[in-house]
Amino acid sequence: MASRAGLAAPVVAVAGALVASPVSHVLAATSPSLHLAMADQGGKRPPGRSAASSRSSEDGLSGTALPGNSLASAARRHQHASRLVSQRHARQAGRQPAPGKRAAPDALTCSGSSYFLPANYQTIVSFLLAHGYSKLGAAGIAGNIFQESKGDPESVGMGGGGLIGFTPLPAGYVTGNPVADLQTQLYAILSYDQQWAQYIPALNAASTPTEAADIYMNYFERPGIPAAANREAAANAVAQACHL
């Protein structure tokens, strides 16, 4: 009996304090996360609604009333509010791009009939944009691809082949499956360009398709037969067709 009497007084005192204090103050004191969640709304909520019901409505969850002002009720309120805040943060995190990944670019729509448009140019440009190249940088690369292969991944010439005239032509780049080979070679272009990575910022900073085509020709392709006019014309055709 002595142990029960010793425990009863603190419980009554705490419960009394809870009755005397506004529920929002109790929850804010016991849950820093709820306090921050209330603060990001500037402490505002519709008249006549509690903090818990306002937050429940915002999160699309049922604002079920929790009974009483007892210590057990306050604990349930705290758990309920913490769960709402956690769910809200989880949903917000789910809307952000995963670390280390780029947000997907807007879908590219291209249309044109110029002789200088390489085959597969929309797929090529979309791929390059998704992997960090600027719009005009991608157009410049596509212009060079026109001169090297006309955009045909199955193209084979003297000593080389593929989209950018890989020389020597690695095994597995041209297999007779143009869809698969196109993807293989696009990823190979990313790797190829990394050996000249110090020039990628200049390529991406090009102010015209012509400038981008020349940068890629001079610092990446380094061709034996430049045919710069063709590369420049193709880069401009791609930029116009894809509104770059």
Protein backbone atom coordinates (compact mmCIF):
# COMPACT_ATOMS: atom_id res chain seq x y z
CA MET A 1 0.00 0.00 0.00
CA ALA A 2 2.86 2.39 0.74
CA SER A 3 4.27 1.96 -2.80
CA ARG A 4 0.90 2.66 -4.45
CA ALA A 5 0.35 5.81 -2.40
CA GLY A 6 3.82 7.03 -3.30
CA LEU A 7 3.13 6.66 -7.01
CA ALA A 8 -0.37 8.12 -7.03
CA ALA A 9 0.56 11.68 -6.15
CA PRO A 10 2.92 12.35 -9.11
CA VAL A 11 0.39 10.92 -11.56
CA VAL A 12 -2.34 13.18 -10.25
CA ALA A 13 -0.03 16.18 -10.35
CA VAL A 14 1.03 15.50 -13.95
CA ALA A 15 -2.51 14.84 -15.06
CA GLY A 16 -3.57 18.06 -13.39
CA ALA A 17 -0.89 19.95 -15.23
CA LEU A 18 -2.13 18.49 -18.47
CA VAL A 19 -5.67 19.57 -17.75
CA ALA A 20 -4.53 23.07 -16.97
CA SER A 21 -2.29 23.43 -20.04
CA PRO A 22 -3.45 23.89 -23.66
CA VAL A 23 -3.03 20.62 -25.55
CA SER A 24 -1.02 22.29 -28.30
CA HIS A 25 1.55 23.47 -25.73
CA VAL A 26 1.90 20.00 -24.26
CA LEU A 27 2.37 18.43 -27.67
CA ALA A 28 4.87 21.06 -28.76
CA ALA A 29 6.88 20.52 -25.57
CA THR A 30 6.90 16.73 -25.92
CA SER A 31 7.38 16.63 -29.71
CA PRO A 32 9.93 18.98 -31.31
CA SER A 33 8.95 17.67 -34.76
CA LEU A 34 5.34 18.72 -34.21
CA HIS A 35 6.49 22.12 -32.98
CA LEU A 36 8.42 22.63 -36.24
CA ALA A 37 5.50 21.39 -38.31
CA MET A 38 3.24 23.95 -36.63
CA ALA A 39 5.84 26.68 -37.03
CA ASP A 40 6.15 26.17 -40.81
CA GLN A 41 2.51 27.25 -41.08
CA GLY A 42 3.25 30.38 -39.06
CA GLY A 43 1.12 28.98 -36.27
CA LYS A 44 -2.01 29.62 -38.34
CA ARG A 45 -4.96 27.28 -38.66
CA PRO A 46 -8.65 27.70 -39.42
CA PRO A 47 -10.71 29.03 -36.47
CA GLY A 48 -12.23 26.39 -34.26
CA ARG A 49 -9.84 23.64 -35.35
CA SER A 50 -7.11 22.09 -33.24
CA ALA A 51 -3.52 21.77 -34.42
CA ALA A 52 -3.94 18.01 -34.68
CA SER A 53 -7.08 18.22 -36.86
CA SER A 54 -5.54 20.89 -39.11
CA ARG A 55 -2.47 18.77 -39.68
CA SER A 56 -4.60 15.67 -40.28
CA SER A 57 -6.63 17.50 -42.92
CA GLU A 58 -3.53 18.80 -44.67
CA ASP A 59 -2.09 15.29 -44.87
CA GLY A 60 -5.31 13.79 -46.18
CA LEU A 61 -5.78 11.65 -43.09
CA SER A 62 -8.79 11.31 -40.86
CA GLY A 63 -8.86 13.85 -38.04
CA THR A 64 -10.29 11.37 -35.55
CA ALA A 65 -10.84 12.98 -32.14
CA LEU A 66 -8.74 11.58 -29.34
CA PRO A 67 -10.45 11.21 -25.96
CA GLY A 68 -9.81 13.11 -22.77
CA ASN A 69 -6.99 15.03 -21.20
CA SER A 70 -5.54 12.16 -19.23
CA LEU A 71 -1.85 11.27 -19.34
CA ALA A 72 -2.64 8.25 -21.53
CA SER A 73 -4.63 10.46 -23.90
CA ALA A 74 -1.77 12.96 -24.17
CA ALA A 75 0.62 10.12 -25.02
CA ARG A 76 -1.73 8.92 -27.76
CA ARG A 77 -2.00 12.46 -29.11
CA HIS A 78 1.78 12.73 -29.18
CA GLN A 79 2.15 9.43 -31.04
CA HIS A 80 -0.62 10.36 -33.49
CA ALA A 81 0.90 13.78 -34.27
CA SER A 82 4.42 12.35 -34.64
CA ARG A 83 3.11 9.74 -37.08
CA LEU A 84 1.43 12.43 -39.20
CA VAL A 85 4.62 14.48 -39.36
CA SER A 86 6.69 11.42 -40.29
CA GLN A 87 4.26 10.45 -43.05
CA ARG A 88 4.27 13.98 -44.42
CA HIS A 89 8.09 14.09 -44.51
CA ALA A 90 8.20 10.68 -46.20
CA ARG A 91 5.83 11.87 -48.94
CA GLN A 92 7.89 15.02 -49.49
CA ALA A 93 11.08 12.98 -49.71
CA GLY A 94 9.44 10.69 -52.27
CA ARG A 95 8.83 13.66 -54.58
CA GLN A 96 12.54 14.55 -54.73
CA PRO A 97 15.07 12.99 -57.18
CA ALA A 98 17.15 10.26 -55.58
CA PRO A 99 20.64 11.42 -54.50
CA GLY A 100 23.16 11.25 -57.35
CA LYS A 101 20.50 11.12 -60.04
CA ARG A 102 19.30 13.81 -62.35
CA ALA A 103 15.69 14.73 -62.66
CA ALA A 104 14.29 13.42 -65.93
CA PRO A 105 14.26 16.14 -68.62
CA ASP A 106 11.03 17.18 -70.27
CA ALA A 107 10.08 14.99 -73.21
CA LEU A 108 11.76 16.24 -76.39
CA THR A 109 9.70 16.73 -79.52
CA CYS A 110 11.60 17.13 -82.80
CA SER A 111 10.38 17.58 -86.34
CA GLY A 112 12.24 18.49 -89.50
CA SER A 113 13.07 17.47 -93.05
CA SER A 114 16.54 18.92 -93.61
CA TYR A 115 19.07 16.79 -95.46
CA PHE A 116 21.49 17.50 -92.60
CA LEU A 117 19.37 15.81 -89.94
CA PRO A 118 21.04 12.55 -88.92
CA ALA A 119 18.98 9.41 -88.44
CA ASN A 120 17.88 8.83 -84.83
CA TYR A 121 18.64 12.47 -83.99
CA GLN A 122 15.77 12.82 -81.50
CA THR A 123 16.89 9.72 -79.59
CA ILE A 124 20.50 10.90 -79.68
CA VAL A 125 19.73 14.40 -78.40
CA SER A 126 17.34 13.13 -75.70
CA PHE A 127 20.01 10.72 -74.45
CA LEU A 128 22.69 13.41 -74.32
CA LEU A 129 20.41 15.85 -72.50
CA ALA A 130 19.55 13.19 -69.94
CA HIS A 131 23.27 12.66 -69.30
CA GLY A 132 24.26 16.22 -68.58
CA TYR A 133 24.98 17.86 -71.93
CA SER A 134 23.53 21.27 -72.66
CA LYS A 135 21.02 21.68 -75.48
CA LEU A 136 23.53 23.24 -77.86
CA GLY A 137 26.25 20.84 -76.72
CA ALA A 138 23.98 17.95 -77.70
CA ALA A 139 23.27 19.59 -81.05
CA GLY A 140 27.01 19.97 -81.67
CA ILE A 141 27.60 16.26 -81.00
CA ALA A 142 24.68 15.31 -83.23
CA GLY A 143 26.15 17.48 -86.00
CA ASN A 144 29.40 15.53 -85.80
CA ILE A 145 27.50 12.25 -85.80
CA PHE A 146 25.89 13.32 -89.07
CA GLN A 147 29.29 13.69 -90.73
CA GLU A 148 30.67 10.46 -89.29
CA SER A 149 27.76 8.06 -89.83
CA LYS A 150 24.61 9.99 -90.86
CA GLY A 151 23.26 8.76 -87.51
CA ASP A 152 23.33 5.08 -88.53
CA PRO A 153 24.80 2.89 -85.74
CA GLU A 154 25.45 0.13 -88.30
CA SER A 155 27.67 2.38 -90.42
CA VAL A 156 31.10 0.88 -91.11
CA GLY A 157 33.97 2.57 -92.94
CA MET A 158 37.67 2.07 -93.45
CA GLY A 159 39.07 1.07 -90.08
CA GLY A 160 36.15 2.28 -88.02
CA GLY A 161 32.41 2.57 -87.72
CA GLY A 162 29.41 3.41 -85.64
CA LEU A 163 27.89 6.76 -84.72
CA ILE A 164 31.11 8.73 -84.29
CA GLY A 165 33.36 6.53 -86.42
CA PHE A 166 34.93 4.60 -83.53
CA THR A 167 38.43 3.68 -84.70
CA PRO A 168 39.25 0.88 -84.40
CA LEU A 169 35.69 -0.39 -84.18
CA PRO A 170 35.29 -2.34 -80.91
CA ALA A 171 33.67 -5.77 -80.96
CA GLY A 172 30.00 -5.71 -80.02
CA TYR A 173 29.32 -2.16 -81.27
CA VAL A 174 27.89 -3.21 -84.64
CA THR A 175 25.95 -6.45 -84.34
CA GLY A 176 23.17 -6.10 -86.90
CA ASN A 177 20.68 -5.00 -84.21
CA PRO A 178 20.42 -1.23 -84.77
CA VAL A 179 18.21 -0.55 -81.73
CA ALA A 180 20.55 -2.30 -79.32
CA ASP A 181 23.68 -1.00 -81.08
CA LEU A 182 22.40 2.58 -80.89
CA GLN A 183 22.16 2.33 -77.09
CA THR A 184 25.53 0.60 -76.80
CA GLN A 185 27.21 3.31 -78.83
CA LEU A 186 25.50 6.21 -77.04
CA TYR A 187 26.89 4.95 -73.74
CA ALA A 188 30.25 4.46 -75.46
CA ILE A 189 30.17 8.14 -76.49
CA LEU A 190 29.83 9.10 -72.82
CA SER A 191 32.93 7.07 -72.00
CA TYR A 192 34.80 8.35 -75.04
CA ASP A 193 34.13 11.97 -74.13
CA GLN A 194 35.53 11.46 -70.63
CA GLN A 195 39.07 11.25 -71.99
CA TRP A 196 38.59 14.87 -73.07
CA ALA A 197 36.56 15.81 -69.99
CA GLN A 198 38.39 19.13 -69.56
CA TYR A 199 36.63 20.40 -72.70
CA ILE A 200 33.09 19.38 -71.72
CA PRO A 201 32.39 22.67 -69.87
CA ALA A 202 33.36 24.64 -73.00
CA LEU A 203 31.12 22.41 -75.14
CA ASN A 204 28.18 22.92 -72.79
CA ALA A 205 28.81 26.67 -72.68
CA ALA A 206 28.73 27.08 -76.48
CA SER A 207 26.42 29.92 -77.48
CA THR A 208 25.54 28.63 -80.97
CA PRO A 209 25.15 25.20 -82.63
CA THR A 210 28.04 26.11 -84.95
CA GLU A 211 30.36 26.81 -82.03
CA ALA A 212 29.35 23.55 -80.33
CA ALA A 213 29.96 21.56 -83.52
CA ASP A 214 33.43 23.09 -83.91
CA ILE A 215 34.37 22.43 -80.27
CA TYR A 216 33.35 18.79 -80.53
CA MET A 217 35.14 18.40 -83.86
CA ASN A 218 38.39 20.00 -82.72
CA TYR A 219 38.68 18.68 -79.16
CA PHE A 220 36.79 15.38 -79.19
CA GLU A 221 36.48 13.92 -82.70
CA ARG A 222 39.77 15.29 -84.06
CA PRO A 223 38.94 13.94 -87.53
CA GLY A 224 41.34 13.39 -90.39
CA ILE A 225 38.78 14.95 -92.74
CA PRO A 226 37.10 17.79 -90.87
CA ALA A 227 34.33 18.73 -93.31
CA ALA A 228 33.45 21.40 -90.75
CA ALA A 229 30.71 22.95 -92.88
CA ASN A 230 28.72 19.69 -92.83
CA ARG A 231 29.08 19.31 -89.09
CA GLU A 232 28.01 22.89 -88.47
CA ALA A 233 25.04 22.67 -90.86
CA ALA A 234 23.87 19.45 -89.20
CA ALA A 235 24.19 20.94 -85.70
CA ASN A 236 22.08 23.90 -86.76
CA ALA A 237 19.49 21.63 -88.40
CA VAL A 238 19.18 19.55 -85.21
CA ALA A 239 18.91 22.64 -83.01
CA GLN A 240 16.14 24.02 -85.20
CA ALA A 241 14.23 20.74 -85.48
CA CYS A 242 14.32 20.13 -81.72
CA HIS A 243 13.88 23.79 -80.66
CA LEU A 244 17.16 23.74 -78.74
